[in-house]
Amino acid sequence: MPGSFTFSPGSEAAREPALLDSVYLSLVTVATLGLGDIAPAESWLRLVSPLEALVGFVLLTATVSWVLEIYPALTRRRVLAVRLALLRDADPPTRELDCTAGAMLLESLATEVARVRVDFTQYAEAYYFHDGEDHSSLAATVGYATVLAERGRAARRPEVRLAGTLLTGALKDLAAVLDQRFLHTGGPSTAVFAAYAADHGRDGACPSAGGSSR
């Protein structure tokens, strides 16, 4: 529609191919640059152009908002993974967890697992982000959380057993989300976490829930 637009004096745009002019005008409008060398002359085009600029502004705002929201979710997942890696290296037995500090530890892990579960629900694309060093990624360490949960449930103190039960429930919820959205194994939590590890290049990295309690 060359007759529906006006060109600023001295502009070379009118001499360019129509397709190039069209792409240029759309990019300038969506990016909200508003250079003005090509301007709509028809009344309906003068209405459409600001709407296209509004769409561009919405896309830019949505992109910035997504970046600001996804990185805290990735940070929470990374903190949980590193914490589990440190606990895996320390490998506390049941007798060391059978105290108030052990109950607080298991309860805090349950809270962090629940947060990561919510993050996977709200930001499904976060599943495909690289998780840092392979040996301390969540895929490589989440299986050890099931070991800690079983040790907590085998403790003598009721508060430790309760915290172990809470951690077990949080892990089951996380496994259900991972399986429903990404893995589709249909198996128990241990199978889901093993599939999660294999899917992220850590085949066989997760210890089984039946690990030694020493």
C-alpha atoms as a PDB file:
ATOM      1  CA  MET A   1       0.000   0.000   0.000  1.00  0.00           C
ATOM      2  CA  PRO A   2       2.561   2.617  -1.064  1.00  0.00           C
ATOM      3  CA  GLY A   3      -0.119   5.291  -1.310  1.00  0.00           C
ATOM      4  CA  SER A   4      -1.151   4.819   2.304  1.00  0.00           C
ATOM      5  CA  PHE A   5       2.141   6.096   3.735  1.00  0.00           C
ATOM      6  CA  THR A   6       4.043   9.331   3.564  1.00  0.00           C
ATOM      7  CA  PHE A   7       7.832   9.668   3.477  1.00  0.00           C
ATOM      8  CA  SER A   8       9.891  12.385   5.067  1.00  0.00           C
ATOM      9  CA  PRO A   9      11.733  14.769   2.681  1.00  0.00           C
ATOM     10  CA  GLY A  10      15.026  13.345   1.489  1.00  0.00           C
ATOM     11  CA  SER A  11      14.180   9.827   2.684  1.00  0.00           C
ATOM     12  CA  GLU A  12      15.610   6.972   0.669  1.00  0.00           C
ATOM     13  CA  ALA A  13      12.941   4.589   1.956  1.00  0.00           C
ATOM     14  CA  ALA A  14      10.659   5.146  -1.037  1.00  0.00           C
ATOM     15  CA  ARG A  15      13.387   3.818  -3.332  1.00  0.00           C
ATOM     16  CA  GLU A  16      13.861   0.572  -1.379  1.00  0.00           C
ATOM     17  CA  PRO A  17      11.961  -2.644  -2.182  1.00  0.00           C
ATOM     18  CA  ALA A  18       8.449  -2.708  -0.724  1.00  0.00           C
ATOM     19  CA  LEU A  19       9.165  -5.823   1.370  1.00  0.00           C
ATOM     20  CA  LEU A  20      12.219  -4.178   2.957  1.00  0.00           C
ATOM     21  CA  ASP A  21      10.182  -1.056   3.741  1.00  0.00           C
ATOM     22  CA  SER A  22       7.436  -3.165   5.303  1.00  0.00           C
ATOM     23  CA  VAL A  23       9.825  -5.107   7.551  1.00  0.00           C
ATOM     24  CA  TYR A  24      11.649  -1.901   8.486  1.00  0.00           C
ATOM     25  CA  LEU A  25       8.419  -0.109   9.402  1.00  0.00           C
ATOM     26  CA  SER A  26       7.181  -3.008  11.507  1.00  0.00           C
ATOM     27  CA  LEU A  27      10.481  -3.344  13.388  1.00  0.00           C
ATOM     28  CA  VAL A  28      10.639   0.389  14.078  1.00  0.00           C
ATOM     29  CA  THR A  29       7.043   0.375  15.297  1.00  0.00           C
ATOM     30  CA  VAL A  30       7.300  -2.747  17.456  1.00  0.00           C
ATOM     31  CA  ALA A  31      10.542  -1.463  18.988  1.00  0.00           C
ATOM     32  CA  THR A  32       8.719   1.841  19.747  1.00  0.00           C
ATOM     33  CA  LEU A  33      11.548   3.824  18.112  1.00  0.00           C
ATOM     34  CA  GLY A  34       9.199   6.107  16.197  1.00  0.00           C
ATOM     35  CA  LEU A  35      11.789   7.438  13.720  1.00  0.00           C
ATOM     36  CA  GLY A  36       9.077   9.066  11.606  1.00  0.00           C
ATOM     37  CA  ASP A  37      10.704   8.715   8.167  1.00  0.00           C
ATOM     38  CA  ILE A  38       7.741   6.537   7.135  1.00  0.00           C
ATOM     39  CA  ALA A  39       4.367   7.564   8.547  1.00  0.00           C
ATOM     40  CA  PRO A  40       0.865   6.170   7.937  1.00  0.00           C
ATOM     41  CA  ALA A  41      -1.461   8.457   5.988  1.00  0.00           C
ATOM     42  CA  GLU A  42      -4.683   6.442   6.095  1.00  0.00           C
ATOM     43  CA  SER A  43      -6.793   6.895   9.214  1.00  0.00           C
ATOM     44  CA  TRP A  44      -7.068   3.188  10.005  1.00  0.00           C
ATOM     45  CA  LEU A  45      -3.310   2.745   9.645  1.00  0.00           C
ATOM     46  CA  ARG A  46      -2.765   5.640  12.037  1.00  0.00           C
ATOM     47  CA  LEU A  47      -4.770   3.619  14.545  1.00  0.00           C
ATOM     48  CA  VAL A  48      -3.060   0.290  13.846  1.00  0.00           C
ATOM     49  CA  SER A  49       0.490   1.651  14.166  1.00  0.00           C
ATOM     50  CA  PRO A  50       0.178   2.736  17.838  1.00  0.00           C
ATOM     51  CA  LEU A  51      -1.472  -0.597  18.623  1.00  0.00           C
ATOM     52  CA  GLU A  52       1.522  -2.393  17.122  1.00  0.00           C
ATOM     53  CA  ALA A  53       3.828  -0.200  19.188  1.00  0.00           C
ATOM     54  CA  LEU A  54       1.785  -1.101  22.272  1.00  0.00           C
ATOM     55  CA  VAL A  55       2.241  -4.802  21.470  1.00  0.00           C
ATOM     56  CA  GLY A  56       5.989  -4.228  21.232  1.00  0.00           C
ATOM     57  CA  PHE A  57       6.018  -2.473  24.606  1.00  0.00           C
ATOM     58  CA  VAL A  58       4.081  -5.359  26.171  1.00  0.00           C
ATOM     59  CA  LEU A  59       6.513  -7.905  24.710  1.00  0.00           C
ATOM     60  CA  LEU A  60       9.514  -5.971  26.024  1.00  0.00           C
ATOM     61  CA  THR A  61       7.965  -5.649  29.476  1.00  0.00           C
ATOM     62  CA  ALA A  62       7.046  -9.343  29.538  1.00  0.00           C
ATOM     63  CA  THR A  63      10.591 -10.339  28.541  1.00  0.00           C
ATOM     64  CA  VAL A  64      12.186  -8.234  31.270  1.00  0.00           C
ATOM     65  CA  SER A  65       9.680  -9.494  33.840  1.00  0.00           C
ATOM     66  CA  TRP A  66      10.330 -13.116  32.849  1.00  0.00           C
ATOM     67  CA  VAL A  67      14.098 -12.678  33.227  1.00  0.00           C
ATOM     68  CA  LEU A  68      13.667 -11.058  36.649  1.00  0.00           C
ATOM     69  CA  GLU A  69      11.386 -13.882  37.795  1.00  0.00           C
ATOM     70  CA  ILE A  70      13.166 -16.933  36.357  1.00  0.00           C
ATOM     71  CA  TYR A  71      16.577 -16.241  37.874  1.00  0.00           C
ATOM     72  CA  PRO A  72      15.395 -16.273  41.525  1.00  0.00           C
ATOM     73  CA  ALA A  73      13.743 -19.630  40.783  1.00  0.00           C
ATOM     74  CA  LEU A  74      17.000 -20.969  39.332  1.00  0.00           C
ATOM     75  CA  THR A  75      18.878 -19.626  42.362  1.00  0.00           C
ATOM     76  CA  ARG A  76      16.545 -21.426  44.773  1.00  0.00           C
ATOM     77  CA  ARG A  77      17.044 -24.670  42.874  1.00  0.00           C
ATOM     78  CA  ARG A  78      20.811 -24.205  42.844  1.00  0.00           C
ATOM     79  CA  VAL A  79      20.946 -23.489  46.594  1.00  0.00           C
ATOM     80  CA  LEU A  80      18.975 -26.664  47.329  1.00  0.00           C
ATOM     81  CA  ALA A  81      21.232 -28.709  45.052  1.00  0.00           C
ATOM     82  CA  VAL A  82      24.442 -27.423  46.652  1.00  0.00           C
ATOM     83  CA  ARG A  83      23.033 -27.972  50.136  1.00  0.00           C
ATOM     84  CA  LEU A  84      22.109 -31.565  49.298  1.00  0.00           C
ATOM     85  CA  ALA A  85      25.552 -32.111  47.777  1.00  0.00           C
ATOM     86  CA  LEU A  86      27.198 -30.959  51.009  1.00  0.00           C
ATOM     87  CA  LEU A  87      24.938 -33.214  53.066  1.00  0.00           C
ATOM     88  CA  ARG A  88      25.674 -36.119  50.730  1.00  0.00           C
ATOM     89  CA  ASP A  89      29.397 -35.600  51.297  1.00  0.00           C
ATOM     90  CA  ALA A  90      28.895 -35.446  55.077  1.00  0.00           C
ATOM     91  CA  ASP A  91      26.379 -38.323  54.957  1.00  0.00           C
ATOM     92  CA  PRO A  92      24.992 -37.927  58.513  1.00  0.00           C
ATOM     93  CA  PRO A  93      23.684 -41.218  59.960  1.00  0.00           C
ATOM     94  CA  THR A  94      20.348 -41.586  61.698  1.00  0.00           C
ATOM     95  CA  ARG A  95      21.825 -41.084  65.167  1.00  0.00           C
ATOM     96  CA  GLU A  96      23.178 -37.650  64.163  1.00  0.00           C
ATOM     97  CA  LEU A  97      19.818 -36.611  62.743  1.00  0.00           C
ATOM     98  CA  ASP A  98      17.967 -37.806  65.857  1.00  0.00           C
ATOM     99  CA  CYS A  99      18.039 -34.430  67.605  1.00  0.00           C
ATOM    100  CA  THR A 100      16.377 -31.022  67.474  1.00  0.00           C
ATOM    101  CA  ALA A 101      18.945 -29.759  64.993  1.00  0.00           C
ATOM    102  CA  GLY A 102      18.221 -32.757  62.761  1.00  0.00           C
ATOM    103  CA  ALA A 103      14.508 -32.023  62.847  1.00  0.00           C
ATOM    104  CA  MET A 104      15.141 -28.417  61.880  1.00  0.00           C
ATOM    105  CA  LEU A 105      17.426 -29.551  59.053  1.00  0.00           C
ATOM    106  CA  LEU A 106      14.877 -31.940  57.579  1.00  0.00           C
ATOM    107  CA  GLU A 107      12.070 -29.397  57.945  1.00  0.00           C
ATOM    108  CA  SER A 108      14.083 -26.704  56.153  1.00  0.00           C
ATOM    109  CA  LEU A 109      14.877 -29.161  53.354  1.00  0.00           C
ATOM    110  CA  ALA A 110      11.167 -29.938  53.023  1.00  0.00           C
ATOM    111  CA  THR A 111      10.449 -26.217  52.703  1.00  0.00           C
ATOM    112  CA  GLU A 112      13.093 -25.760  50.009  1.00  0.00           C
ATOM    113  CA  VAL A 113      11.868 -28.809  48.092  1.00  0.00           C
ATOM    114  CA  ALA A 114       8.318 -27.421  48.196  1.00  0.00           C
ATOM    115  CA  ARG A 115       9.554 -24.098  46.805  1.00  0.00           C
ATOM    116  CA  VAL A 116      11.381 -25.826  43.963  1.00  0.00           C
ATOM    117  CA  ARG A 117       8.244 -27.831  43.242  1.00  0.00           C
ATOM    118  CA  VAL A 118       6.258 -24.584  42.928  1.00  0.00           C
ATOM    119  CA  ASP A 119       8.977 -23.135  40.691  1.00  0.00           C
ATOM    120  CA  PHE A 120       8.739 -26.115  38.329  1.00  0.00           C
ATOM    121  CA  THR A 121       4.981 -25.585  38.222  1.00  0.00           C
ATOM    122  CA  GLN A 122       5.133 -21.851  37.502  1.00  0.00           C
ATOM    123  CA  TYR A 123       8.265 -21.847  35.314  1.00  0.00           C
ATOM    124  CA  ALA A 124       8.238 -25.151  33.435  1.00  0.00           C
ATOM    125  CA  GLU A 125      10.987 -23.900  31.109  1.00  0.00           C
ATOM    126  CA  ALA A 126      13.370 -23.836  34.099  1.00  0.00           C
ATOM    127  CA  TYR A 127      13.575 -27.630  33.811  1.00  0.00           C
ATOM    128  CA  TYR A 128      15.757 -27.233  30.708  1.00  0.00           C
ATOM    129  CA  PHE A 129      18.265 -24.795  32.253  1.00  0.00           C
ATOM    130  CA  HIS A 130      21.756 -26.093  33.028  1.00  0.00           C
ATOM    131  CA  ASP A 131      22.168 -26.575  36.760  1.00  0.00           C
ATOM    132  CA  GLY A 132      25.882 -25.901  37.216  1.00  0.00           C
ATOM    133  CA  GLU A 133      28.411 -28.600  38.072  1.00  0.00           C
ATOM    134  CA  ASP A 134      27.040 -32.050  37.284  1.00  0.00           C
ATOM    135  CA  HIS A 135      28.013 -33.621  40.608  1.00  0.00           C
ATOM    136  CA  SER A 136      26.154 -30.943  42.578  1.00  0.00           C
ATOM    137  CA  SER A 137      23.160 -30.385  40.322  1.00  0.00           C
ATOM    138  CA  LEU A 138      19.663 -31.016  41.622  1.00  0.00           C
ATOM    139  CA  ALA A 139      19.327 -33.995  39.279  1.00  0.00           C
ATOM    140  CA  ALA A 140      22.399 -35.563  40.880  1.00  0.00           C
ATOM    141  CA  THR A 141      21.523 -34.792  44.509  1.00  0.00           C
ATOM    142  CA  VAL A 142      17.751 -34.966  44.879  1.00  0.00           C
ATOM    143  CA  GLY A 143      17.883 -38.744  45.247  1.00  0.00           C
ATOM    144  CA  TYR A 144      19.928 -38.321  48.416  1.00  0.00           C
ATOM    145  CA  ALA A 145      17.105 -36.286  49.940  1.00  0.00           C
ATOM    146  CA  THR A 146      15.009 -39.456  49.961  1.00  0.00           C
ATOM    147  CA  VAL A 147      17.753 -41.159  51.965  1.00  0.00           C
ATOM    148  CA  LEU A 148      17.707 -38.343  54.527  1.00  0.00           C
ATOM    149  CA  ALA A 149      13.926 -38.521  54.714  1.00  0.00           C
ATOM    150  CA  GLU A 150      14.003 -42.246  55.473  1.00  0.00           C
ATOM    151  CA  ARG A 151      16.662 -41.752  58.124  1.00  0.00           C
ATOM    152  CA  GLY A 152      14.532 -39.068  59.728  1.00  0.00           C
ATOM    153  CA  ARG A 153      11.477 -41.313  59.735  1.00  0.00           C
ATOM    154  CA  ALA A 154      13.545 -44.035  61.413  1.00  0.00           C
ATOM    155  CA  ALA A 155      14.643 -41.738  64.268  1.00  0.00           C
ATOM    156  CA  ARG A 156      13.399 -42.054  67.851  1.00  0.00           C
ATOM    157  CA  ARG A 157      12.422 -38.418  68.449  1.00  0.00           C
ATOM    158  CA  PRO A 158       8.880 -37.646  67.273  1.00  0.00           C
ATOM    159  CA  GLU A 159       9.823 -34.220  65.911  1.00  0.00           C
ATOM    160  CA  VAL A 160      12.521 -35.807  63.730  1.00  0.00           C
ATOM    161  CA  ARG A 161      10.090 -38.448  62.466  1.00  0.00           C
ATOM    162  CA  LEU A 162       7.572 -35.717  61.663  1.00  0.00           C
ATOM    163  CA  ALA A 163      10.191 -33.688  59.792  1.00  0.00           C
ATOM    164  CA  GLY A 164      11.210 -36.818  57.869  1.00  0.00           C
ATOM    165  CA  THR A 165       7.573 -37.421  56.940  1.00  0.00           C
ATOM    166  CA  LEU A 166       7.223 -33.820  55.756  1.00  0.00           C
ATOM    167  CA  LEU A 167      10.338 -34.174  53.616  1.00  0.00           C
ATOM    168  CA  THR A 168       9.013 -37.421  52.150  1.00  0.00           C
ATOM    169  CA  GLY A 169       5.744 -35.717  51.236  1.00  0.00           C
ATOM    170  CA  ALA A 170       7.511 -32.754  49.674  1.00  0.00           C
ATOM    171  CA  LEU A 171       9.691 -35.102  47.598  1.00  0.00           C
ATOM    172  CA  LYS A 172       6.631 -37.042  46.430  1.00  0.00           C
ATOM    173  CA  ASP A 173       4.992 -33.790  45.306  1.00  0.00           C
ATOM    174  CA  LEU A 174       8.159 -32.764  43.461  1.00  0.00           C
ATOM    175  CA  ALA A 175       8.412 -36.165  41.799  1.00  0.00           C
ATOM    176  CA  ALA A 176       4.750 -35.981  40.758  1.00  0.00           C
ATOM    177  CA  VAL A 177       5.305 -32.602  39.057  1.00  0.00           C
ATOM    178  CA  LEU A 178       8.479 -33.777  37.303  1.00  0.00           C
ATOM    179  CA  ASP A 179       6.808 -36.962  36.116  1.00  0.00           C
ATOM    180  CA  GLN A 180       3.578 -35.342  34.993  1.00  0.00           C
ATOM    181  CA  ARG A 181       5.196 -32.491  33.094  1.00  0.00           C
ATOM    182  CA  PHE A 182       8.476 -33.886  31.782  1.00  0.00           C
ATOM    183  CA  LEU A 183       9.404 -37.518  32.429  1.00  0.00           C
ATOM    184  CA  HIS A 184       6.191 -39.594  32.217  1.00  0.00           C
ATOM    185  CA  THR A 185       7.586 -42.698  33.912  1.00  0.00           C
ATOM    186  CA  GLY A 186       4.504 -43.502  35.953  1.00  0.00           C
ATOM    187  CA  GLY A 187       6.754 -44.947  38.652  1.00  0.00           C
ATOM    188  CA  PRO A 188       7.481 -44.106  42.303  1.00  0.00           C
ATOM    189  CA  SER A 189       9.523 -41.126  43.430  1.00  0.00           C
ATOM    190  CA  THR A 190      12.823 -43.018  43.307  1.00  0.00           C
ATOM    191  CA  ALA A 191      12.197 -44.019  39.675  1.00  0.00           C
ATOM    192  CA  VAL A 192      11.243 -40.465  38.763  1.00  0.00           C
ATOM    193  CA  PHE A 193      14.381 -39.018  40.346  1.00  0.00           C
ATOM    194  CA  ALA A 194      16.507 -41.641  38.592  1.00  0.00           C
ATOM    195  CA  ALA A 195      14.893 -40.679  35.285  1.00  0.00           C
ATOM    196  CA  TYR A 196      15.474 -37.000  36.120  1.00  0.00           C
ATOM    197  CA  ALA A 197      19.165 -37.730  36.695  1.00  0.00           C
ATOM    198  CA  ALA A 198      19.411 -39.712  33.460  1.00  0.00           C
ATOM    199  CA  ASP A 199      17.605 -36.976  31.513  1.00  0.00           C
ATOM    200  CA  HIS A 200      20.194 -34.469  32.716  1.00  0.00           C
ATOM    201  CA  GLY A 201      23.175 -36.653  31.938  1.00  0.00           C
ATOM    202  CA  ARG A 202      23.589 -38.115  35.416  1.00  0.00           C
ATOM    203  CA  ASP A 203      22.539 -41.717  34.817  1.00  0.00           C
ATOM    204  CA  GLY A 204      22.995 -43.694  37.993  1.00  0.00           C
ATOM    205  CA  ALA A 205      24.058 -40.614  39.992  1.00  0.00           C
ATOM    206  CA  CYS A 206      21.148 -40.687  42.439  1.00  0.00           C
ATOM    207  CA  PRO A 207      21.492 -43.043  45.378  1.00  0.00           C
ATOM    208  CA  SER A 208      18.539 -45.281  46.034  1.00  0.00           C
ATOM    209  CA  ALA A 209      16.174 -44.625  48.915  1.00  0.00           C
ATOM    210  CA  GLY A 210      17.250 -47.903  50.415  1.00  0.00           C
ATOM    211  CA  GLY A 211      20.783 -46.664  51.083  1.00  0.00           C
ATOM    212  CA  SER A 212      22.583 -47.561  54.254  1.00  0.00           C
ATOM    213  CA  SER A 213      21.590 -45.607  57.361  1.00  0.00           C
ATOM    214  CA  ARG A 214      24.826 -46.542  59.108  1.00  0.00           C
END
